Amino acid sequence: MSEKKLKITRCQMQILAFLKAKGSINMKDISNYSSRSPANVTGHIHRLEDAGMVSRVENPKSRREKIISLTKAGINYMNKQ
């Protein structure tokens, strides 16, 4: 999805800013930071992942946990903000 067509919500922008500041983090930390339910955060992360802004990978220490990181496109987007 091109950045011109991408519509970032306030919550998604908070998530992107948090990832930029903290680096790779788990979904629970994002949920705690944003004061949103894990289910709500999962939806936002899914949309950001579909847009190519974040990546979600399995934590090698815990297969149930996902680690979220900014992609190159996400970093470029945040650097323009």
C-alpha atoms as a PDB file:
ATOM      1  CA  MET A   1       0.000   0.000   0.000  1.00  0.00           C
ATOM      2  CA  SER A   2       1.425   3.369  -0.902  1.00  0.00           C
ATOM      3  CA  GLU A   3       2.009   5.915   1.823  1.00  0.00           C
ATOM      4  CA  LYS A   4      -0.258   8.396   0.032  1.00  0.00           C
ATOM      5  CA  LYS A   5      -3.226   6.025   0.383  1.00  0.00           C
ATOM      6  CA  LEU A   6      -2.387   5.010   3.934  1.00  0.00           C
ATOM      7  CA  LYS A   7      -4.693   6.474   6.560  1.00  0.00           C
ATOM      8  CA  ILE A   8      -3.085   6.224   9.987  1.00  0.00           C
ATOM      9  CA  THR A   9      -5.362   6.471  13.012  1.00  0.00           C
ATOM     10  CA  ARG A  10      -4.268   8.175  16.209  1.00  0.00           C
ATOM     11  CA  CYS A  11      -3.821   4.811  17.934  1.00  0.00           C
ATOM     12  CA  GLN A  12      -1.777   3.466  15.024  1.00  0.00           C
ATOM     13  CA  MET A  13       0.413   6.581  15.119  1.00  0.00           C
ATOM     14  CA  GLN A  14       0.949   6.045  18.863  1.00  0.00           C
ATOM     15  CA  ILE A  15       1.960   2.454  18.180  1.00  0.00           C
ATOM     16  CA  LEU A  16       4.375   3.503  15.429  1.00  0.00           C
ATOM     17  CA  ALA A  17       5.900   6.197  17.663  1.00  0.00           C
ATOM     18  CA  PHE A  18       6.284   3.710  20.510  1.00  0.00           C
ATOM     19  CA  LEU A  19       7.990   1.218  18.210  1.00  0.00           C
ATOM     20  CA  LYS A  20      10.297   3.935  16.902  1.00  0.00           C
ATOM     21  CA  ALA A  21      11.287   4.864  20.461  1.00  0.00           C
ATOM     22  CA  LYS A  22      11.538   1.355  21.915  1.00  0.00           C
ATOM     23  CA  GLY A  23      12.511  -0.850  18.984  1.00  0.00           C
ATOM     24  CA  SER A  24      11.172  -4.402  18.805  1.00  0.00           C
ATOM     25  CA  ILE A  25       8.605  -5.081  21.519  1.00  0.00           C
ATOM     26  CA  ASN A  26       5.846  -7.529  22.300  1.00  0.00           C
ATOM     27  CA  MET A  27       2.120  -7.032  21.899  1.00  0.00           C
ATOM     28  CA  LYS A  28       1.532  -6.894  25.659  1.00  0.00           C
ATOM     29  CA  ASP A  29       3.861  -3.904  26.012  1.00  0.00           C
ATOM     30  CA  ILE A  30       2.088  -2.136  23.143  1.00  0.00           C
ATOM     31  CA  SER A  31      -1.263  -2.857  24.769  1.00  0.00           C
ATOM     32  CA  ASN A  32      -0.063  -1.507  28.114  1.00  0.00           C
ATOM     33  CA  TYR A  33       1.476   1.598  26.521  1.00  0.00           C
ATOM     34  CA  SER A  34      -1.577   2.450  24.448  1.00  0.00           C
ATOM     35  CA  SER A  35      -4.079   1.612  27.206  1.00  0.00           C
ATOM     36  CA  ARG A  36      -5.981  -0.530  24.722  1.00  0.00           C
ATOM     37  CA  SER A  37      -7.126  -4.112  24.971  1.00  0.00           C
ATOM     38  CA  PRO A  38      -4.898  -6.792  23.439  1.00  0.00           C
ATOM     39  CA  ALA A  39      -7.653  -7.562  20.898  1.00  0.00           C
ATOM     40  CA  ASN A  40      -7.828  -3.899  19.848  1.00  0.00           C
ATOM     41  CA  VAL A  41      -4.046  -3.676  19.501  1.00  0.00           C
ATOM     42  CA  THR A  42      -3.993  -6.880  17.462  1.00  0.00           C
ATOM     43  CA  GLY A  43      -6.383  -5.296  14.958  1.00  0.00           C
ATOM     44  CA  HIS A  44      -4.237  -2.177  14.650  1.00  0.00           C
ATOM     45  CA  ILE A  45      -1.065  -4.236  14.262  1.00  0.00           C
ATOM     46  CA  HIS A  46      -2.733  -6.377  11.614  1.00  0.00           C
ATOM     47  CA  ARG A  47      -3.666  -3.291   9.565  1.00  0.00           C
ATOM     48  CA  LEU A  48      -0.180  -1.801   9.994  1.00  0.00           C
ATOM     49  CA  GLU A  49       1.345  -5.126   8.948  1.00  0.00           C
ATOM     50  CA  ASP A  50      -0.902  -5.265   5.859  1.00  0.00           C
ATOM     51  CA  ALA A  51       0.295  -1.743   5.003  1.00  0.00           C
ATOM     52  CA  GLY A  52       3.930  -2.880   5.300  1.00  0.00           C
ATOM     53  CA  MET A  53       4.669  -0.579   8.258  1.00  0.00           C
ATOM     54  CA  VAL A  54       5.411  -3.262  10.866  1.00  0.00           C
ATOM     55  CA  SER A  55       6.485  -6.883  10.983  1.00  0.00           C
ATOM     56  CA  ARG A  56       5.239  -9.468  13.435  1.00  0.00           C
ATOM     57  CA  VAL A  57       7.433 -12.465  14.237  1.00  0.00           C
ATOM     58  CA  GLU A  58       7.290 -15.266  16.762  1.00  0.00           C
ATOM     59  CA  ASN A  59       9.399 -14.773  19.875  1.00  0.00           C
ATOM     60  CA  PRO A  60      11.998 -17.571  19.874  1.00  0.00           C
ATOM     61  CA  LYS A  61      11.676 -17.781  23.673  1.00  0.00           C
ATOM     62  CA  SER A  62       7.883 -18.103  23.643  1.00  0.00           C
ATOM     63  CA  ARG A  63       5.978 -19.292  20.600  1.00  0.00           C
ATOM     64  CA  ARG A  64       2.767 -17.718  21.912  1.00  0.00           C
ATOM     65  CA  GLU A  65       4.305 -14.248  21.986  1.00  0.00           C
ATOM     66  CA  LYS A  66       4.759 -12.048  18.927  1.00  0.00           C
ATOM     67  CA  ILE A  67       7.480  -9.417  18.593  1.00  0.00           C
ATOM     68  CA  ILE A  68       6.535  -6.309  16.630  1.00  0.00           C
ATOM     69  CA  SER A  69       9.081  -4.154  14.782  1.00  0.00           C
ATOM     70  CA  LEU A  70       8.987  -1.274  12.359  1.00  0.00           C
ATOM     71  CA  THR A  71       9.817  -2.233   8.799  1.00  0.00           C
ATOM     72  CA  LYS A  72      11.978  -0.076   6.569  1.00  0.00           C
ATOM     73  CA  ALA A  73       8.779   1.507   5.214  1.00  0.00           C
ATOM     74  CA  GLY A  74       7.587   2.155   8.777  1.00  0.00           C
ATOM     75  CA  ILE A  75      10.887   3.761   9.718  1.00  0.00           C
ATOM     76  CA  ASN A  76      10.810   5.939   6.598  1.00  0.00           C
ATOM     77  CA  TYR A  77       7.216   6.984   7.331  1.00  0.00           C
ATOM     78  CA  MET A  78       8.032   7.898  10.931  1.00  0.00           C
ATOM     79  CA  ASN A  79      11.138   9.828   9.908  1.00  0.00           C
ATOM     80  CA  LYS A  80       8.901  12.036   7.736  1.00  0.00           C
ATOM     81  CA  GLN A  81       6.596  12.866  10.657  1.00  0.00           C
END
